[in-house]
Amino acid sequence: MTLLNSFVLNNLRTIEMIGVLMRIFSFSLVSWLGPASPFMFVWTFNTIDAVMLSWCALLKKDSAYTVLNLFWILVGVIGMLRAADLIH
């Protein structure tokens, strides 16, 4: 885990930028396609970027962004469950 944390810290700005671009892409896709959006893809993609951004925020000890992105992980999991029609 220490090796992985070191990698993230050494590439923090790049990982954060990738995560932010992923989030912009996923919500842009929903905005453009509306109900025709591939919701499982969007929520999976969004949850991956939330994990990336949460990890960065945790390592930076940034509590506000940690809470925000942990919330997005929860939203993403619920979105995936809804997209899979496992909850209504």
Protein backbone atom coordinates (compact mmCIF):
# COMPACT_ATOMS: atom_id res chain seq x y z
CA MET A 1 0.00 0.00 0.00
CA THR A 2 2.87 2.37 0.77
CA LEU A 3 4.25 1.90 -2.74
CA LEU A 4 0.84 2.70 -4.25
CA ASN A 5 0.42 5.76 -2.01
CA SER A 6 3.89 6.94 -3.04
CA PHE A 7 2.95 6.55 -6.69
CA VAL A 8 -0.25 8.57 -6.16
CA LEU A 9 1.60 11.30 -4.24
CA ASN A 10 4.29 11.50 -6.93
CA ASN A 11 1.64 11.84 -9.64
CA LEU A 12 -1.01 13.68 -7.64
CA ARG A 13 -1.67 16.58 -10.02
CA THR A 14 -1.93 14.26 -13.03
CA ILE A 15 -4.25 11.82 -11.25
CA GLU A 16 -6.45 14.67 -10.02
CA MET A 17 -6.65 16.17 -13.51
CA ILE A 18 -7.57 12.80 -15.03
CA GLY A 19 -10.26 12.34 -12.36
CA VAL A 20 -11.70 15.81 -12.99
CA LEU A 21 -11.72 15.26 -16.77
CA MET A 22 -13.44 11.90 -16.26
CA ARG A 23 -16.14 13.57 -14.16
CA ILE A 24 -16.66 16.32 -16.75
CA PHE A 25 -16.90 13.71 -19.51
CA SER A 26 -19.42 11.52 -17.68
CA PHE A 27 -21.77 14.37 -16.82
CA SER A 28 -21.38 15.91 -20.28
CA LEU A 29 -22.44 12.59 -21.76
CA VAL A 30 -25.62 12.61 -19.67
CA SER A 31 -26.27 16.23 -20.60
CA TRP A 32 -25.86 15.51 -24.33
CA LEU A 33 -27.68 12.19 -24.51
CA GLY A 34 -30.32 12.63 -21.79
CA PRO A 35 -32.44 9.50 -21.33
CA ALA A 36 -30.48 7.72 -24.08
CA SER A 37 -27.31 7.87 -21.95
CA PRO A 38 -25.45 4.63 -21.18
CA PHE A 39 -26.14 5.02 -17.46
CA MET A 40 -24.22 1.97 -16.27
CA PHE A 41 -21.13 3.23 -18.07
CA VAL A 42 -21.61 6.78 -16.77
CA TRP A 43 -22.04 5.69 -13.14
CA THR A 44 -19.16 3.23 -13.29
CA PHE A 45 -16.89 5.85 -14.86
CA ASN A 46 -18.04 8.44 -12.32
CA THR A 47 -17.41 6.08 -9.42
CA ILE A 48 -13.89 5.32 -10.65
CA ASP A 49 -13.08 9.03 -10.81
CA ALA A 50 -14.56 9.50 -7.32
CA VAL A 51 -12.25 6.78 -5.98
CA MET A 52 -9.26 8.44 -7.64
CA LEU A 53 -10.15 11.89 -6.31
CA SER A 54 -10.97 10.55 -2.83
CA TRP A 55 -7.62 8.83 -2.63
CA CYS A 56 -5.83 12.03 -3.63
CA ALA A 57 -7.83 14.08 -1.11
CA LEU A 58 -7.13 11.56 1.67
CA LEU A 59 -3.40 11.65 1.00
CA LYS A 60 -3.48 15.45 0.95
CA LYS A 61 -5.49 15.39 4.19
CA ASP A 62 -8.12 17.59 2.54
CA SER A 63 -11.22 16.74 4.55
CA ALA A 64 -13.69 18.77 2.47
CA TYR A 65 -12.76 17.08 -0.82
CA THR A 66 -12.49 13.71 0.90
CA VAL A 67 -16.11 14.00 2.11
CA LEU A 68 -17.29 15.32 -1.26
CA ASN A 69 -15.70 12.51 -3.24
CA LEU A 70 -16.65 9.77 -0.77
CA PHE A 71 -20.21 11.04 -1.21
CA TRP A 72 -19.80 10.67 -5.00
CA ILE A 73 -18.68 7.06 -4.50
CA LEU A 74 -21.93 6.41 -2.64
CA VAL A 75 -23.94 8.19 -5.35
CA GLY A 76 -22.11 6.15 -7.99
CA VAL A 77 -22.83 2.85 -6.30
CA ILE A 78 -26.51 3.76 -6.01
CA GLY A 79 -26.50 4.87 -9.65
CA MET A 80 -24.99 1.55 -10.74
CA LEU A 81 -27.54 -0.41 -8.71
CA ARG A 82 -30.35 1.61 -10.31
CA ALA A 83 -28.86 1.23 -13.80
CA ALA A 84 -28.72 -2.53 -13.22
CA ASP A 85 -32.38 -2.35 -12.08
CA LEU A 86 -31.46 -3.88 -8.71
CA ILE A 87 -33.11 -1.03 -6.77
CA HIS A 88 -35.85 1.41 -7.71
